[in-house]
N, C-alpha and C. Protein backbone atom coordinates (compact mmCIF):
# COMPACT_ATOMS: atom_id res chain seq x y z
N MET A 1 -63.23 29.08 15.51
CA MET A 1 -62.19 28.20 14.89
C MET A 1 -62.20 28.38 13.43
N GLY A 2 -61.02 28.30 12.86
CA GLY A 2 -60.85 28.44 11.34
C GLY A 2 -60.49 27.11 10.81
N LEU A 3 -60.62 27.00 9.43
CA LEU A 3 -60.10 25.77 8.75
C LEU A 3 -58.94 26.23 7.93
N TYR A 4 -57.89 25.50 7.93
CA TYR A 4 -56.68 25.76 7.21
C TYR A 4 -56.24 24.66 6.36
N LEU A 5 -55.94 24.98 5.13
CA LEU A 5 -55.39 24.06 4.12
C LEU A 5 -53.87 24.16 4.34
N VAL A 6 -53.19 22.95 4.45
CA VAL A 6 -51.74 22.99 4.48
C VAL A 6 -51.32 21.97 3.49
N GLU A 7 -50.59 22.46 2.44
CA GLU A 7 -50.09 21.50 1.44
C GLU A 7 -48.66 21.17 1.71
N SER A 8 -48.31 19.92 1.40
CA SER A 8 -47.00 19.38 1.69
C SER A 8 -46.60 18.33 0.66
N ASN A 9 -45.37 17.93 0.73
CA ASN A 9 -44.85 16.73 -0.02
C ASN A 9 -44.31 15.84 1.07
N LEU A 10 -44.88 14.65 1.17
CA LEU A 10 -44.55 13.71 2.21
C LEU A 10 -43.56 12.62 1.84
N THR A 11 -43.01 12.75 0.62
CA THR A 11 -42.10 11.64 0.17
C THR A 11 -40.87 11.43 1.05
N GLU A 12 -40.41 12.48 1.77
CA GLU A 12 -39.31 12.30 2.66
C GLU A 12 -39.73 11.93 4.04
N VAL A 13 -41.05 11.97 4.33
CA VAL A 13 -41.62 11.78 5.67
C VAL A 13 -42.20 10.41 5.81
N VAL A 14 -42.90 9.90 4.86
CA VAL A 14 -43.54 8.52 4.97
C VAL A 14 -43.23 7.80 3.65
N GLN A 15 -43.14 6.47 3.83
CA GLN A 15 -42.93 5.59 2.57
C GLN A 15 -44.01 4.55 2.38
N SER A 16 -44.96 4.53 3.29
CA SER A 16 -46.06 3.48 3.23
C SER A 16 -47.25 4.02 3.84
N SER A 17 -48.36 3.30 3.63
CA SER A 17 -49.67 3.69 4.26
C SER A 17 -49.56 3.52 5.75
N ALA A 18 -48.80 2.47 6.20
CA ALA A 18 -48.58 2.29 7.63
C ALA A 18 -47.86 3.45 8.30
N ASP A 19 -46.81 4.01 7.61
CA ASP A 19 -46.10 5.16 7.99
C ASP A 19 -47.03 6.35 8.12
N LEU A 20 -47.90 6.53 7.14
CA LEU A 20 -48.82 7.60 7.11
C LEU A 20 -49.76 7.50 8.27
N ASP A 21 -50.35 6.32 8.49
CA ASP A 21 -51.24 6.11 9.64
C ASP A 21 -50.61 6.48 11.00
N ARG A 22 -49.28 6.15 11.13
CA ARG A 22 -48.60 6.48 12.42
C ARG A 22 -48.49 8.02 12.50
N LYS A 23 -48.09 8.66 11.37
CA LYS A 23 -47.94 10.13 11.37
C LYS A 23 -49.23 10.82 11.65
N VAL A 24 -50.33 10.31 11.14
CA VAL A 24 -51.67 10.93 11.32
C VAL A 24 -52.02 10.79 12.78
N ALA A 25 -51.82 9.64 13.40
CA ALA A 25 -52.17 9.43 14.78
C ALA A 25 -51.32 10.43 15.68
N GLU A 26 -50.06 10.63 15.34
CA GLU A 26 -49.19 11.58 16.11
C GLU A 26 -49.73 12.91 15.89
N LEU A 27 -50.03 13.38 14.65
CA LEU A 27 -50.56 14.75 14.47
C LEU A 27 -51.91 14.93 15.22
N GLN A 28 -52.85 13.97 15.19
CA GLN A 28 -54.04 14.11 15.81
C GLN A 28 -53.91 14.29 17.32
N GLU A 29 -52.95 13.54 17.87
CA GLU A 29 -52.64 13.69 19.29
C GLU A 29 -52.12 15.12 19.63
N GLN A 30 -51.13 15.56 18.86
CA GLN A 30 -50.52 16.82 19.10
C GLN A 30 -51.48 17.96 18.90
N LEU A 31 -52.27 17.89 17.85
CA LEU A 31 -53.28 18.91 17.55
C LEU A 31 -54.29 18.97 18.69
N GLY A 32 -54.72 17.80 19.16
CA GLY A 32 -55.71 17.73 20.27
C GLY A 32 -55.16 18.45 21.51
N LYS A 33 -53.88 18.45 21.74
CA LYS A 33 -53.31 19.17 22.93
C LYS A 33 -53.40 20.59 22.74
N GLN A 34 -53.56 21.06 21.42
CA GLN A 34 -53.62 22.50 21.18
C GLN A 34 -55.10 22.95 20.92
N GLU A 35 -56.04 22.00 21.30
CA GLU A 35 -57.48 22.24 21.03
C GLU A 35 -57.74 22.46 19.52
N ALA A 36 -56.97 21.73 18.69
CA ALA A 36 -57.18 21.84 17.30
C ALA A 36 -57.45 20.39 16.77
N ALA A 37 -57.75 20.23 15.51
CA ALA A 37 -58.13 18.87 14.94
C ALA A 37 -57.70 18.75 13.46
N LEU A 38 -57.17 17.58 13.17
CA LEU A 38 -57.01 17.31 11.77
C LEU A 38 -58.33 16.78 11.22
N ILE A 39 -58.96 17.61 10.32
CA ILE A 39 -60.24 17.27 9.81
C ILE A 39 -60.10 16.20 8.80
N GLU A 40 -59.16 16.39 7.86
CA GLU A 40 -58.89 15.40 6.93
C GLU A 40 -57.46 15.60 6.35
N LEU A 41 -57.00 14.48 5.80
CA LEU A 41 -55.70 14.44 5.07
C LEU A 41 -55.92 13.62 3.86
N GLN A 42 -55.64 14.17 2.76
CA GLN A 42 -55.74 13.53 1.45
C GLN A 42 -54.34 13.51 0.90
N VAL A 43 -53.87 12.35 0.43
CA VAL A 43 -52.50 12.26 -0.06
C VAL A 43 -52.51 11.59 -1.46
N ALA A 44 -51.62 12.10 -2.28
CA ALA A 44 -51.40 11.49 -3.60
C ALA A 44 -50.87 10.09 -3.46
N LYS A 45 -51.07 9.24 -4.42
CA LYS A 45 -50.63 7.82 -4.33
C LYS A 45 -49.14 7.67 -4.06
N ASP A 46 -48.36 8.60 -4.74
CA ASP A 46 -46.96 8.57 -4.60
C ASP A 46 -46.45 9.41 -3.39
N PHE A 47 -47.31 9.94 -2.54
CA PHE A 47 -47.02 10.84 -1.44
C PHE A 47 -46.30 12.14 -1.72
N SER A 48 -46.38 12.51 -3.14
CA SER A 48 -45.74 13.71 -3.51
C SER A 48 -46.62 14.98 -3.24
N ARG A 49 -47.89 14.83 -3.04
CA ARG A 49 -48.70 15.91 -2.67
C ARG A 49 -49.63 15.50 -1.52
N SER A 50 -49.80 16.30 -0.65
CA SER A 50 -50.67 16.00 0.48
C SER A 50 -51.44 17.38 0.87
N PHE A 51 -52.72 17.15 1.30
CA PHE A 51 -53.56 18.20 1.55
C PHE A 51 -54.17 18.01 2.95
N PHE A 52 -53.67 18.71 3.92
CA PHE A 52 -54.12 18.64 5.32
C PHE A 52 -55.22 19.73 5.46
N ILE A 53 -56.28 19.38 6.08
CA ILE A 53 -57.32 20.34 6.47
C ILE A 53 -57.30 20.34 8.01
N VAL A 54 -56.99 21.43 8.63
CA VAL A 54 -56.78 21.52 10.07
C VAL A 54 -57.76 22.58 10.63
N GLU A 55 -58.49 22.20 11.65
CA GLU A 55 -59.33 23.13 12.38
C GLU A 55 -58.61 23.59 13.58
N ALA A 56 -58.40 24.94 13.67
CA ALA A 56 -57.63 25.50 14.72
C ALA A 56 -58.03 26.93 14.99
N GLU A 57 -57.72 27.38 16.16
CA GLU A 57 -58.04 28.74 16.56
C GLU A 57 -57.23 29.77 15.67
N ARG A 58 -55.95 29.39 15.39
CA ARG A 58 -55.04 30.27 14.63
C ARG A 58 -54.27 29.44 13.68
N GLU A 59 -53.85 30.03 12.58
CA GLU A 59 -52.97 29.38 11.63
C GLU A 59 -51.73 28.88 12.23
N GLU A 60 -51.15 29.57 13.10
CA GLU A 60 -49.88 29.23 13.69
C GLU A 60 -49.92 27.93 14.48
N ILE A 61 -51.12 27.65 15.06
CA ILE A 61 -51.21 26.40 15.76
C ILE A 61 -51.17 25.21 14.83
N ALA A 62 -51.89 25.35 13.70
CA ALA A 62 -51.96 24.30 12.70
C ALA A 62 -50.49 24.00 12.09
N THR A 63 -49.84 25.12 11.80
CA THR A 63 -48.56 24.97 11.06
C THR A 63 -47.49 24.48 12.03
N GLN A 64 -47.49 25.00 13.28
CA GLN A 64 -46.40 24.61 14.17
C GLN A 64 -46.49 23.15 14.53
N VAL A 65 -47.63 22.60 14.71
CA VAL A 65 -47.71 21.18 15.02
C VAL A 65 -47.17 20.32 13.84
N LEU A 66 -47.49 20.76 12.64
CA LEU A 66 -46.96 20.01 11.43
C LEU A 66 -45.42 20.08 11.33
N LYS A 67 -44.99 21.36 11.53
CA LYS A 67 -43.49 21.62 11.50
C LYS A 67 -42.79 20.74 12.61
N ASP A 68 -43.37 20.72 13.75
CA ASP A 68 -42.78 19.99 14.90
C ASP A 68 -42.77 18.44 14.56
N SER A 69 -43.56 17.97 13.66
CA SER A 69 -43.72 16.56 13.24
C SER A 69 -42.90 16.37 11.91
N SER A 70 -41.98 17.32 11.67
CA SER A 70 -41.13 17.23 10.45
C SER A 70 -41.82 17.16 9.12
N ILE A 71 -42.98 17.77 9.03
CA ILE A 71 -43.70 17.85 7.77
C ILE A 71 -43.41 19.16 7.15
N PRO A 72 -42.88 19.15 5.95
CA PRO A 72 -42.48 20.37 5.23
C PRO A 72 -43.80 21.03 4.75
N ILE A 73 -43.82 22.37 4.90
CA ILE A 73 -45.07 23.05 4.55
C ILE A 73 -44.81 23.86 3.28
N GLU A 74 -45.59 23.66 2.26
CA GLU A 74 -45.42 24.34 0.97
C GLU A 74 -46.40 25.44 0.80
N LEU A 75 -47.62 25.38 1.37
CA LEU A 75 -48.69 26.39 1.29
C LEU A 75 -49.63 26.29 2.45
N VAL A 76 -49.98 27.46 2.92
CA VAL A 76 -51.03 27.43 3.96
C VAL A 76 -52.02 28.61 3.56
N LYS A 77 -53.32 28.17 3.67
CA LYS A 77 -54.46 29.07 3.36
C LYS A 77 -55.59 28.82 4.26
N GLU A 78 -56.26 29.85 4.68
CA GLU A 78 -57.55 29.66 5.44
C GLU A 78 -58.54 29.35 4.37
N VAL A 79 -59.41 28.37 4.66
CA VAL A 79 -60.36 27.87 3.71
C VAL A 79 -61.79 27.89 4.24
N ARG A 80 -62.71 27.77 3.33
CA ARG A 80 -64.13 27.64 3.66
C ARG A 80 -64.58 26.39 3.11
N LEU A 81 -65.32 25.57 3.80
CA LEU A 81 -65.97 24.31 3.32
C LEU A 81 -67.22 24.65 2.60
N VAL A 82 -67.43 24.12 1.41
CA VAL A 82 -68.58 24.30 0.59
C VAL A 82 -69.10 22.94 0.16
N GLY A 83 -70.39 22.71 0.22
CA GLY A 83 -71.01 21.59 -0.35
C GLY A 83 -71.24 20.46 0.65
N GLU A 84 -70.80 20.61 1.90
CA GLU A 84 -70.90 19.60 2.89
C GLU A 84 -70.78 20.19 4.24
N GLU A 85 -71.44 19.57 5.19
CA GLU A 85 -71.36 19.96 6.64
C GLU A 85 -70.05 19.47 7.25
N LEU A 86 -69.36 20.21 8.06
CA LEU A 86 -68.12 19.82 8.69
C LEU A 86 -68.22 18.50 9.40
N GLU A 87 -69.32 18.31 10.19
CA GLU A 87 -69.42 17.04 10.95
C GLU A 87 -69.54 15.86 9.97
N LYS A 88 -70.13 15.98 8.89
CA LYS A 88 -70.24 14.90 7.91
C LYS A 88 -68.85 14.60 7.29
N VAL A 89 -68.10 15.65 7.04
CA VAL A 89 -66.73 15.52 6.47
C VAL A 89 -65.91 14.66 7.51
N LYS A 90 -66.01 15.03 8.75
CA LYS A 90 -65.26 14.28 9.79
C LYS A 90 -65.58 12.89 9.84
N ALA A 91 -66.87 12.56 9.55
CA ALA A 91 -67.38 11.14 9.58
C ALA A 91 -67.04 10.37 8.34
N ASN A 92 -66.97 11.02 7.16
CA ASN A 92 -66.85 10.39 5.85
C ASN A 92 -65.60 10.74 5.02
N LYS A 93 -64.56 11.05 5.76
CA LYS A 93 -63.37 11.64 4.99
C LYS A 93 -62.67 10.68 4.01
N ASP A 94 -62.98 9.41 4.10
CA ASP A 94 -62.20 8.52 3.24
C ASP A 94 -62.98 8.02 1.98
N ILE A 95 -64.00 8.74 1.62
CA ILE A 95 -64.81 8.34 0.41
C ILE A 95 -64.41 9.00 -0.84
N VAL A 96 -63.33 9.73 -0.92
CA VAL A 96 -62.83 10.43 -2.17
C VAL A 96 -61.70 9.73 -2.75
N ASN A 97 -61.60 9.88 -4.06
CA ASN A 97 -60.33 9.29 -4.68
C ASN A 97 -59.74 10.18 -5.71
N TYR A 98 -60.34 11.40 -5.90
CA TYR A 98 -59.71 12.40 -6.79
C TYR A 98 -59.89 13.75 -6.17
N LEU A 99 -58.89 14.59 -6.38
CA LEU A 99 -58.88 15.95 -5.94
C LEU A 99 -58.57 16.83 -7.13
N VAL A 100 -59.41 17.88 -7.34
CA VAL A 100 -59.17 18.80 -8.49
C VAL A 100 -58.82 20.06 -7.86
N GLU A 101 -57.84 20.74 -8.35
CA GLU A 101 -57.42 22.09 -7.95
C GLU A 101 -57.78 22.99 -9.12
N TRP A 102 -58.37 24.16 -8.64
CA TRP A 102 -58.75 25.19 -9.69
C TRP A 102 -58.19 26.59 -9.15
N ASN A 103 -57.30 27.15 -9.88
CA ASN A 103 -56.89 28.48 -9.51
C ASN A 103 -57.90 29.45 -9.97
N LEU A 104 -58.63 30.08 -8.99
CA LEU A 104 -59.69 30.93 -9.31
C LEU A 104 -59.31 32.21 -10.06
N PRO A 105 -60.19 32.69 -10.94
CA PRO A 105 -59.88 33.91 -11.75
C PRO A 105 -59.79 35.11 -10.77
N GLU A 106 -58.96 36.09 -11.17
CA GLU A 106 -58.87 37.34 -10.38
C GLU A 106 -60.27 37.95 -10.34
N HIS A 107 -60.48 38.69 -9.26
CA HIS A 107 -61.65 39.50 -9.15
C HIS A 107 -62.99 38.72 -8.90
N LEU A 108 -62.88 37.41 -8.81
CA LEU A 108 -64.08 36.57 -8.44
C LEU A 108 -64.24 36.66 -6.91
N THR A 109 -65.46 37.06 -6.50
CA THR A 109 -65.70 37.14 -5.08
C THR A 109 -66.31 35.86 -4.63
N MET A 110 -66.31 35.72 -3.30
CA MET A 110 -66.82 34.48 -2.67
C MET A 110 -68.34 34.36 -3.05
N ASP A 111 -69.03 35.47 -2.95
CA ASP A 111 -70.50 35.42 -3.28
C ASP A 111 -70.72 35.01 -4.71
N GLN A 112 -69.91 35.51 -5.66
CA GLN A 112 -70.00 35.14 -7.08
C GLN A 112 -69.67 33.71 -7.29
N TYR A 113 -68.64 33.19 -6.53
CA TYR A 113 -68.25 31.80 -6.65
C TYR A 113 -69.44 30.90 -6.15
N LEU A 114 -70.00 31.33 -5.06
CA LEU A 114 -71.07 30.44 -4.43
C LEU A 114 -72.27 30.42 -5.34
N GLU A 115 -72.60 31.54 -5.95
CA GLU A 115 -73.73 31.63 -6.85
C GLU A 115 -73.46 30.79 -8.07
N ARG A 116 -72.30 30.85 -8.64
CA ARG A 116 -71.93 30.03 -9.77
C ARG A 116 -72.05 28.51 -9.53
N LYS A 117 -71.52 28.17 -8.30
CA LYS A 117 -71.50 26.77 -7.86
C LYS A 117 -72.98 26.28 -7.76
N LYS A 118 -73.79 27.07 -7.11
CA LYS A 118 -75.18 26.70 -6.98
C LYS A 118 -75.86 26.51 -8.31
N LYS A 119 -75.59 27.36 -9.24
CA LYS A 119 -76.23 27.38 -10.49
C LYS A 119 -75.74 26.06 -11.34
N ASN A 120 -74.46 25.81 -11.33
CA ASN A 120 -73.89 24.73 -12.17
C ASN A 120 -73.90 23.39 -11.53
N SER A 121 -74.02 23.25 -10.19
CA SER A 121 -73.96 22.02 -9.55
C SER A 121 -74.93 21.00 -10.01
N VAL A 122 -76.12 21.43 -10.43
CA VAL A 122 -77.17 20.55 -10.89
C VAL A 122 -76.65 19.70 -12.08
N HIS A 123 -75.67 20.15 -12.79
CA HIS A 123 -75.20 19.45 -13.98
C HIS A 123 -74.32 18.22 -13.63
N TYR A 124 -74.01 18.07 -12.36
CA TYR A 124 -73.31 16.85 -11.94
C TYR A 124 -74.11 15.60 -12.34
N GLU A 125 -75.47 15.74 -12.28
CA GLU A 125 -76.34 14.54 -12.60
C GLU A 125 -76.05 14.04 -14.01
N GLU A 126 -75.44 14.81 -14.85
CA GLU A 126 -75.18 14.37 -16.19
C GLU A 126 -74.02 13.34 -16.25
N VAL A 127 -73.31 13.20 -15.20
CA VAL A 127 -72.19 12.23 -15.07
C VAL A 127 -72.47 11.44 -13.75
N PRO A 128 -73.44 10.57 -13.79
CA PRO A 128 -73.85 9.91 -12.55
C PRO A 128 -72.87 8.99 -11.85
N GLU A 129 -71.81 8.63 -12.67
CA GLU A 129 -70.80 7.71 -12.13
C GLU A 129 -69.84 8.48 -11.21
N VAL A 130 -69.95 9.74 -11.19
CA VAL A 130 -69.03 10.68 -10.35
C VAL A 130 -69.87 11.20 -9.22
N GLN A 131 -69.33 11.10 -8.02
CA GLN A 131 -69.96 11.74 -6.84
C GLN A 131 -69.15 12.95 -6.38
N PHE A 132 -69.70 14.10 -6.48
CA PHE A 132 -69.05 15.24 -5.88
C PHE A 132 -69.15 15.19 -4.44
N ALA A 133 -68.07 15.37 -3.67
CA ALA A 133 -68.11 15.22 -2.19
C ALA A 133 -68.17 16.66 -1.53
N ARG A 134 -67.16 17.43 -1.84
CA ARG A 134 -67.03 18.71 -1.14
C ARG A 134 -65.96 19.56 -1.81
N THR A 135 -65.99 20.86 -1.42
CA THR A 135 -64.98 21.84 -1.95
C THR A 135 -64.45 22.65 -0.76
N TYR A 136 -63.20 22.95 -0.78
CA TYR A 136 -62.63 23.92 0.06
C TYR A 136 -62.23 25.13 -0.75
N VAL A 137 -62.68 26.32 -0.38
CA VAL A 137 -62.33 27.47 -1.17
C VAL A 137 -61.45 28.37 -0.32
N CYS A 138 -60.34 28.73 -0.81
CA CYS A 138 -59.45 29.62 -0.01
C CYS A 138 -60.13 30.97 0.16
N GLU A 139 -60.09 31.42 1.43
CA GLU A 139 -60.74 32.70 1.77
C GLU A 139 -60.21 33.89 0.95
N ASP A 140 -58.84 33.77 0.54
CA ASP A 140 -58.38 34.90 -0.30
C ASP A 140 -58.72 34.72 -1.75
N MET A 141 -59.56 33.69 -2.10
CA MET A 141 -60.12 33.52 -3.46
C MET A 141 -59.06 33.28 -4.50
N THR A 142 -57.98 32.54 -4.12
CA THR A 142 -56.92 32.27 -5.05
C THR A 142 -57.12 30.86 -5.62
N LYS A 143 -57.69 29.95 -4.92
CA LYS A 143 -57.92 28.57 -5.49
C LYS A 143 -58.98 27.81 -4.65
N CYS A 144 -59.42 26.72 -5.26
CA CYS A 144 -60.28 25.82 -4.48
C CYS A 144 -59.87 24.41 -4.86
N LEU A 145 -60.19 23.54 -3.88
CA LEU A 145 -59.93 22.10 -3.97
C LEU A 145 -61.32 21.43 -3.98
N CYS A 146 -61.57 20.63 -4.93
CA CYS A 146 -62.85 19.90 -5.12
C CYS A 146 -62.58 18.39 -5.02
N PHE A 147 -63.29 17.72 -4.19
CA PHE A 147 -63.06 16.29 -3.95
C PHE A 147 -64.18 15.47 -4.56
N TYR A 148 -63.77 14.34 -5.16
CA TYR A 148 -64.76 13.48 -5.94
C TYR A 148 -64.50 12.02 -5.59
N ASP A 149 -65.55 11.20 -5.72
CA ASP A 149 -65.44 9.80 -5.77
C ASP A 149 -65.80 9.39 -7.18
N ALA A 150 -64.84 8.86 -7.95
CA ALA A 150 -65.10 8.60 -9.39
C ALA A 150 -64.35 7.32 -9.80
N PRO A 151 -64.86 6.65 -10.90
CA PRO A 151 -64.19 5.41 -11.35
C PRO A 151 -62.77 5.67 -11.98
N ASP A 152 -62.61 6.85 -12.57
CA ASP A 152 -61.29 7.24 -13.16
C ASP A 152 -61.16 8.72 -13.42
N GLN A 153 -60.00 9.15 -13.86
CA GLN A 153 -59.75 10.51 -14.13
C GLN A 153 -60.62 11.10 -15.26
N ASP A 154 -60.84 10.32 -16.23
CA ASP A 154 -61.68 10.70 -17.40
C ASP A 154 -63.09 11.15 -16.90
N ALA A 155 -63.63 10.37 -16.02
CA ALA A 155 -64.97 10.66 -15.37
C ALA A 155 -64.93 11.98 -14.66
N VAL A 156 -63.87 12.20 -13.92
CA VAL A 156 -63.78 13.45 -13.18
C VAL A 156 -63.75 14.59 -14.18
N GLU A 157 -62.96 14.47 -15.21
CA GLU A 157 -62.88 15.52 -16.28
C GLU A 157 -64.21 15.74 -16.92
N ARG A 158 -64.98 14.73 -17.22
CA ARG A 158 -66.35 14.90 -17.77
C ARG A 158 -67.24 15.65 -16.82
N ALA A 159 -67.16 15.32 -15.51
CA ALA A 159 -67.95 15.96 -14.50
C ALA A 159 -67.57 17.44 -14.44
N ARG A 160 -66.32 17.80 -14.51
CA ARG A 160 -65.93 19.20 -14.43
C ARG A 160 -66.46 19.97 -15.68
N GLU A 161 -66.40 19.34 -16.82
CA GLU A 161 -66.89 19.95 -18.06
C GLU A 161 -68.45 20.14 -17.94
N ALA A 162 -69.19 19.23 -17.32
CA ALA A 162 -70.61 19.30 -17.17
C ALA A 162 -70.95 20.56 -16.27
N VAL A 163 -70.20 20.83 -15.30
CA VAL A 163 -70.45 21.94 -14.41
C VAL A 163 -69.70 23.22 -14.80
N HIS A 164 -69.02 23.17 -15.96
CA HIS A 164 -68.31 24.29 -16.54
C HIS A 164 -67.30 24.88 -15.59
N ALA A 165 -66.45 23.95 -15.07
CA ALA A 165 -65.38 24.36 -14.15
C ALA A 165 -64.09 23.77 -14.66
N PRO A 166 -63.09 24.60 -14.73
CA PRO A 166 -61.74 24.17 -15.18
C PRO A 166 -61.03 23.29 -14.23
N ILE A 167 -59.94 22.66 -14.66
CA ILE A 167 -59.02 21.89 -13.88
C ILE A 167 -57.64 22.49 -14.05
N ASP A 168 -56.97 22.88 -13.01
CA ASP A 168 -55.60 23.30 -13.06
C ASP A 168 -54.68 22.16 -12.69
N ALA A 169 -55.14 21.30 -11.81
CA ALA A 169 -54.37 20.02 -11.51
C ALA A 169 -55.44 18.98 -10.97
N ILE A 170 -55.03 17.80 -11.20
CA ILE A 170 -55.84 16.65 -10.64
C ILE A 170 -54.89 15.63 -10.08
N THR A 171 -55.31 15.19 -8.84
CA THR A 171 -54.47 14.28 -8.14
C THR A 171 -55.37 13.05 -7.75
N GLU A 172 -54.80 11.89 -8.06
CA GLU A 172 -55.49 10.66 -7.60
C GLU A 172 -55.10 10.46 -6.18
N ILE A 173 -56.06 10.23 -5.28
CA ILE A 173 -55.81 10.13 -3.87
C ILE A 173 -55.48 8.68 -3.42
N LEU A 174 -54.56 8.44 -2.56
CA LEU A 174 -54.28 7.24 -1.99
C LEU A 174 -55.50 6.69 -1.21
N LYS A 175 -55.91 5.48 -1.45
CA LYS A 175 -57.06 4.88 -0.71
C LYS A 175 -56.38 4.18 0.48
N LYS A 176 -57.19 4.06 1.52
CA LYS A 176 -56.84 3.43 2.77
C LYS A 176 -56.15 2.06 2.60
N ASP A 177 -56.63 1.29 1.71
CA ASP A 177 -56.13 -0.06 1.51
C ASP A 177 -54.88 -0.22 0.56
N GLN A 178 -54.31 0.93 0.17
CA GLN A 178 -53.23 0.81 -0.76
C GLN A 178 -51.87 0.95 -0.05
């Protein structure tokens, strides 16, 4: 099974958290019929950006179910989970509130990325108010998504500086109670 990142804009699909919950339940049911699963969905507060992580045998399974549910697809990439075990992500997917996107430099290999991450991650302790949760790295090494639980955007930016990692975009994630 592979993991696939599917990015979308949900502003035309959902208008509230209740709408989102109904759509997620529908997706989980349809993916289950295909022996696939929605691992997590993180959505910007204004629904303008959404990040689906789908576990499926093939990319086409993940994308077709979303298309059949009228979800516009802007980007699809096979990804690798780094920094957390998949089963733990499935159990704790609601503990993040910021997502950082980093467009990886050309010629960076997965091994180089992983070594860099291992070396620099110890510096997160310099910003204790920020909890790093996990990263998804695109297998084609074009970008990664890093998830955090933090009090505010400034804290996330300080954490990224501490680990010497740039930010190409930062999204505040919709919390379940919003």
